[in-house]
């Protein structure tokens, strides 16, 4: 089993190392994602300036990034993905501290949501 695992690992390394594979996967991702979008999201996508370039290149990753920015109401924002992820993590991992009253926790959580919404 160890030799088989090594062989499989080697095959996967070769698969992901080949840039040609990404060229065939990226358009597939684009078509799959765009086919799953509902009408409201498609309307919002149509109004975006980068959509024609994304569509021409059939760039699945950029389409996902654009959808994420639309869903987070950040289409014209310069906030980095890392900053957005950190805000999301702060909200999703917010727990009530020891000896913290429910109202204090609720206020702190609301404040975090307001900060995330304003950015």
Foldseek 3Di string as FASTA:
>chain_A
DVVVVVVVVVVVVVCVVDVVNVLVVQLVLLVVVVVPDDPVLVVVLVPAPCNVVCVVSSGNVVVVVCSVCVVLVNNPHPDDPVVLVVLVCCQVPQDADPPHDPVRSVVVNVVSVVVSSVD
